[in-house]
Amino acid sequence: MALKQVYQQVEDTINQIVPPTVKISSIEFEGPLIVIYTKTVGEFADNGELIKRLAQALRRRVSIRPDPSILADMETADKVIRELISEEAGITDIFYQYDTGEVIIEVKMPGLAIGKYGSTLNEIKKRIGWAPKVIRTPPIESKTIQDIRGYLRSVGKKRREFLRRVGDGIVRGTSPKQNWVRATTLGGFREVGRSCTLLSTANSKVLIDLGVNVSSDENVSPYLNAPEIMPLESIDAIILTHAHLDHCGLVPVLYKYGYDGPIYT
């Protein structure tokens, strides 16, 4: 099935389930998610079963995000959030993620911020458009966390484009007449170190592990010059079984020489 047909099938399924009062702006595949952008976030906030029904029908995780046009400005949103969340909850930070339309609310007591059955979060969503997410304040103030949030804010557009490219790759059409799988061992067999296996089908290439040989100065890396793996841009994903150097140590090198896809851990 072609990608355009997949989108149409998903759109038809969604339109059969959501009520006519819901205004959907767009539907996107972003990584493993089906993301529905809407101008009527309140409809989903008031109907908790709606998202569950969509996920069951589509057999995929579904995320509801506000259309950018309905998002309140940060000053207004801050005021509403602090008005609805009690002082006892102890807000310590509010962080906006423009690429997802989420507002991360860091508090000392998450239960008080969420409200009974999520009532406070639903009210926030209806009044400011942003999708609120509550997290607990770290016990120790962390500059690393602040730097990560700043970085995510700076690359929001690029991150969204990357997720959409990956999402389209996950659901792209396959060839039913080419039903085969081939495993190519590139390292780690009959030895300890440089674990790497390439799984290929007619439609995709996935690397399982990409390690180095930490016990020898010879034959340090897997056989990345094998014709099956080239070009590196043709690899769809890397799956890492665990974070030991003999299974993941060569990942940065792959990015340096042309790979620009996802890593699953």
Protein backbone atom coordinates (compact mmCIF):
# COMPACT_ATOMS: atom_id res chain seq x y z
CA MET A 1 0.00 0.00 0.00
CA ALA A 2 1.40 3.41 -1.00
CA LEU A 3 2.05 6.03 1.68
CA LYS A 4 -0.73 8.27 0.35
CA GLN A 5 -3.21 5.40 0.65
CA VAL A 6 -2.10 4.71 4.23
CA TYR A 7 -2.76 8.35 5.17
CA GLN A 8 -6.18 8.21 3.51
CA GLN A 9 -7.08 4.99 5.32
CA VAL A 10 -6.09 6.49 8.68
CA GLU A 11 -8.02 9.69 7.96
CA ASP A 12 -11.16 7.72 7.01
CA THR A 13 -10.96 5.68 10.22
CA ILE A 14 -10.55 8.79 12.36
CA ASN A 15 -13.47 10.56 10.67
CA GLN A 16 -15.71 7.57 11.38
CA ILE A 17 -14.97 7.77 15.12
CA VAL A 18 -14.65 11.44 16.06
CA PRO A 19 -17.83 13.53 16.33
CA PRO A 20 -18.49 16.20 13.65
CA THR A 21 -17.82 18.96 16.19
CA VAL A 22 -14.12 18.02 16.28
CA LYS A 23 -12.06 20.16 13.91
CA ILE A 24 -9.00 18.26 12.70
CA SER A 25 -6.27 20.39 11.12
CA SER A 26 -3.91 17.62 10.04
CA ILE A 27 -2.85 14.03 10.68
CA GLU A 28 0.83 13.08 10.78
CA PHE A 29 2.94 10.01 11.46
CA GLU A 30 5.63 11.15 13.90
CA GLY A 31 7.93 8.31 14.88
CA PRO A 32 5.73 5.50 16.28
CA LEU A 33 2.80 7.86 16.90
CA ILE A 34 -0.22 8.93 14.89
CA VAL A 35 -0.52 12.61 15.77
CA ILE A 36 -3.84 14.39 15.33
CA TYR A 37 -3.64 18.20 15.28
CA THR A 38 -6.92 19.83 16.22
CA LYS A 39 -8.43 23.24 16.93
CA THR A 40 -10.94 21.73 19.36
CA VAL A 41 -8.70 20.26 22.05
CA GLY A 42 -11.53 20.55 24.57
CA GLU A 43 -13.53 17.87 22.75
CA PHE A 44 -10.82 15.33 23.51
CA ALA A 45 -10.28 16.66 27.04
CA ASP A 46 -13.97 16.13 27.84
CA ASN A 47 -14.13 12.66 26.28
CA GLY A 48 -11.42 10.40 27.66
CA GLU A 49 -12.78 7.34 25.81
CA LEU A 50 -12.34 8.97 22.41
CA ILE A 51 -8.55 8.56 22.29
CA LYS A 52 -8.86 4.97 23.51
CA ARG A 53 -11.31 4.15 20.71
CA LEU A 54 -9.01 5.74 18.13
CA ALA A 55 -5.98 3.78 19.36
CA GLN A 56 -7.93 0.51 19.27
CA ALA A 57 -9.24 1.14 15.76
CA LEU A 58 -5.89 2.30 14.35
CA ARG A 59 -3.82 -0.21 16.35
CA ARG A 60 -1.28 2.50 16.99
CA ARG A 61 -0.47 4.94 19.76
CA VAL A 62 -2.38 8.17 19.21
CA SER A 63 -1.36 11.62 20.40
CA ILE A 64 -3.68 14.65 20.33
CA ARG A 65 -1.92 17.97 19.84
CA PRO A 66 -3.27 21.50 19.52
CA ASP A 67 -3.15 23.30 16.21
CA PRO A 68 -0.46 26.02 16.59
CA SER A 69 -3.05 28.71 15.79
CA ILE A 70 -4.95 28.12 19.06
CA LEU A 71 -1.95 28.19 21.43
CA ALA A 72 -2.02 30.97 24.00
CA ASP A 73 1.10 33.11 24.31
CA MET A 74 3.53 32.13 27.07
CA GLU A 75 2.63 35.02 29.37
CA THR A 76 -1.09 34.24 29.23
CA ALA A 77 -0.47 30.50 29.56
CA ASP A 78 1.77 31.00 32.61
CA LYS A 79 -0.91 33.09 34.29
CA VAL A 80 -3.64 30.49 33.68
CA ILE A 81 -1.47 27.60 34.86
CA ARG A 82 -0.56 29.36 38.11
CA GLU A 83 -4.20 30.31 38.61
CA LEU A 84 -5.48 26.73 38.24
CA ILE A 85 -2.71 24.88 40.08
CA SER A 86 -2.70 25.51 43.81
CA GLU A 87 0.33 27.02 45.52
CA GLU A 88 0.59 23.87 47.65
CA ALA A 89 1.60 21.93 44.51
CA GLY A 90 4.79 24.01 44.40
CA ILE A 91 5.43 24.97 40.77
CA THR A 92 9.19 25.26 40.19
CA ASP A 93 9.37 25.56 36.39
CA ILE A 94 7.18 25.82 33.29
CA PHE A 95 8.72 24.77 29.99
CA TYR A 96 7.08 25.01 26.55
CA GLN A 97 7.81 22.54 23.73
CA TYR A 98 6.65 24.18 20.52
CA ASP A 99 7.32 21.13 18.34
CA THR A 100 4.77 19.05 20.27
CA GLY A 101 2.46 21.75 21.64
CA GLU A 102 3.17 20.51 25.16
CA VAL A 103 3.80 22.54 28.29
CA ILE A 104 5.89 20.76 30.91
CA ILE A 105 4.92 21.80 34.44
CA GLU A 106 7.51 20.92 37.06
CA VAL A 107 6.06 20.72 40.57
CA LYS A 108 7.00 19.42 44.00
CA MET A 109 3.68 17.59 44.47
CA PRO A 110 2.38 16.22 41.14
CA GLY A 111 -0.85 14.80 42.58
CA LEU A 112 -2.07 18.24 43.61
CA ALA A 113 -1.23 19.67 40.18
CA ILE A 114 -2.97 16.95 38.17
CA GLY A 115 -6.26 17.13 40.07
CA LYS A 116 -8.86 14.42 40.58
CA TYR A 117 -9.03 12.22 37.46
CA GLY A 118 -6.88 14.80 35.64
CA SER A 119 -9.49 17.54 36.01
CA THR A 120 -6.95 20.35 36.46
CA LEU A 121 -4.95 19.32 33.41
CA ASN A 122 -8.10 19.10 31.28
CA GLU A 123 -9.10 22.62 32.33
CA ILE A 124 -5.62 23.94 31.50
CA LYS A 125 -5.78 22.31 28.08
CA LYS A 126 -9.18 23.85 27.31
CA ARG A 127 -8.16 27.35 28.38
CA ILE A 128 -4.70 27.72 26.82
CA GLY A 129 -4.58 25.09 24.06
CA TRP A 130 -1.24 23.69 25.22
CA ALA A 131 -1.21 20.03 26.28
CA PRO A 132 -0.01 20.01 29.91
CA LYS A 133 2.35 17.38 31.28
CA VAL A 134 3.25 17.33 34.98
CA ILE A 135 6.62 16.08 36.23
CA ARG A 136 8.12 16.01 39.70
CA THR A 137 10.77 18.57 40.61
CA PRO A 138 14.20 16.88 40.87
CA PRO A 139 15.48 16.66 44.47
CA ILE A 140 18.68 18.42 43.35
CA GLU A 141 18.67 21.36 40.94
CA SER A 142 20.24 20.24 37.67
CA LYS A 143 21.92 22.49 35.11
CA THR A 144 22.05 19.48 32.76
CA ILE A 145 18.24 19.29 32.67
CA GLN A 146 17.99 23.01 31.95
CA ASP A 147 20.54 22.71 29.13
CA ILE A 148 18.65 19.76 27.60
CA ARG A 149 15.38 21.70 27.67
CA GLY A 150 17.06 24.67 26.04
CA TYR A 151 18.50 22.43 23.33
CA LEU A 152 15.13 20.78 22.63
CA ARG A 153 13.58 24.22 22.29
CA SER A 154 16.27 25.30 19.80
CA VAL A 155 15.89 22.24 17.53
CA GLY A 156 12.11 21.86 17.77
CA LYS A 157 11.43 22.29 14.05
CA LYS A 158 14.23 19.94 13.00
CA ARG A 159 13.10 17.36 15.57
CA ARG A 160 9.54 17.41 14.24
CA GLU A 161 10.76 16.99 10.64
CA PHE A 162 12.94 14.06 11.72
CA LEU A 163 10.07 12.32 13.53
CA ARG A 164 7.80 12.74 10.50
CA ARG A 165 10.42 11.28 8.19
CA VAL A 166 10.84 8.29 10.50
CA GLY A 167 7.07 7.91 10.86
CA ASP A 168 6.54 7.87 7.10
CA GLY A 169 9.29 5.27 6.81
CA ILE A 170 7.60 3.00 9.36
CA VAL A 171 4.26 2.93 7.52
CA ARG A 172 5.50 3.07 3.94
CA GLY A 173 4.23 0.47 1.52
CA THR A 174 5.73 -3.00 1.24
CA SER A 175 6.02 -5.42 -1.64
CA PRO A 176 3.95 -8.58 -0.91
CA LYS A 177 5.76 -10.49 -3.67
CA GLN A 178 9.16 -9.92 -2.04
CA ASN A 179 8.58 -11.79 1.22
CA TRP A 180 12.08 -12.59 2.49
CA VAL A 181 14.48 -11.71 5.33
CA ARG A 182 18.27 -11.97 5.22
CA ALA A 183 20.68 -11.76 8.18
CA THR A 184 24.23 -10.63 7.39
CA THR A 185 26.77 -11.09 10.19
CA LEU A 186 29.19 -8.18 10.23
CA GLY A 187 30.94 -8.93 13.52
CA GLY A 188 30.62 -10.56 16.93
CA PHE A 189 30.28 -14.17 15.80
CA ARG A 190 32.82 -16.68 17.15
CA GLU A 191 34.42 -13.76 19.00
CA VAL A 192 33.74 -11.33 21.85
CA GLY A 193 33.34 -7.75 20.64
CA ARG A 194 32.27 -5.66 17.60
CA SER A 195 28.77 -7.17 17.62
CA CYS A 196 26.82 -6.19 14.51
CA THR A 197 24.13 -7.88 12.42
CA LEU A 198 22.32 -6.46 9.40
CA LEU A 199 18.70 -7.57 8.89
CA SER A 200 17.52 -6.90 5.33
CA THR A 201 14.20 -7.25 3.55
CA ALA A 202 13.04 -6.05 0.15
CA ASN A 203 11.83 -2.87 1.86
CA SER A 204 14.21 -2.10 4.72
CA LYS A 205 17.60 -2.46 6.39
CA VAL A 206 18.06 -2.57 10.16
CA LEU A 207 21.33 -2.86 12.08
CA ILE A 208 21.25 -4.77 15.36
CA ASP A 209 24.11 -3.44 17.49
CA LEU A 210 27.19 -1.61 16.29
CA GLY A 211 30.05 -2.33 18.65
CA VAL A 212 33.84 -2.23 18.77
CA ASN A 213 36.39 -4.83 19.79
CA VAL A 214 37.72 -3.40 23.05
CA SER A 215 40.24 -6.18 23.64
CA SER A 216 42.32 -5.85 20.48
CA ASP A 217 43.94 -3.20 18.28
CA GLU A 218 43.27 -5.36 15.21
CA ASN A 219 39.87 -5.91 13.62
CA VAL A 220 38.39 -3.25 15.90
CA SER A 221 35.21 -2.55 13.95
CA PRO A 222 32.58 -4.67 12.17
CA TYR A 223 32.81 -5.15 8.40
CA LEU A 224 31.11 -1.89 7.48
CA ASN A 225 32.61 -2.05 3.99
CA ALA A 226 30.35 -4.99 3.10
CA PRO A 227 28.28 -4.16 -0.02
CA GLU A 228 25.02 -5.08 1.74
CA ILE A 229 25.34 -2.15 4.14
CA MET A 230 26.13 0.54 1.59
CA PRO A 231 25.21 3.31 1.24
CA LEU A 232 24.84 4.18 4.93
CA GLU A 233 21.87 6.43 4.11
CA SER A 234 19.93 3.31 3.09
CA ILE A 235 19.85 2.00 6.68
CA ASP A 236 16.42 2.57 8.20
CA ALA A 237 17.21 2.08 11.89
CA ILE A 238 19.69 0.86 14.48
CA ILE A 239 18.58 -1.35 17.37
CA LEU A 240 20.91 -1.52 20.38
CA THR A 241 20.46 -4.49 22.68
CA HIS A 242 22.37 -2.86 25.57
CA ALA A 243 24.86 -0.10 26.35
CA HIS A 244 28.19 -1.95 26.33
CA LEU A 245 30.95 -0.72 24.03
CA ASP A 246 31.15 -4.06 22.23
CA HIS A 247 27.50 -3.50 21.21
CA CYS A 248 27.20 0.29 20.73
CA GLY A 249 30.69 1.84 20.66
CA LEU A 250 30.76 2.59 16.92
CA VAL A 251 27.41 4.40 16.66
CA PRO A 252 28.95 7.94 16.54
CA VAL A 253 31.12 6.91 13.58
CA LEU A 254 28.08 5.85 11.57
CA TYR A 255 26.47 9.26 12.07
CA LYS A 256 29.71 10.97 11.06
CA TYR A 257 29.76 9.16 7.72
CA GLY A 258 26.18 9.63 6.59
CA TYR A 259 23.64 7.80 8.75
CA ASP A 260 20.80 10.06 9.90
CA GLY A 261 18.12 7.71 11.19
CA PRO A 262 16.66 6.62 14.53
CA ILE A 263 18.19 4.48 17.27
CA TYR A 264 15.99 2.15 19.32
CA THR A 265 17.25 0.98 22.71
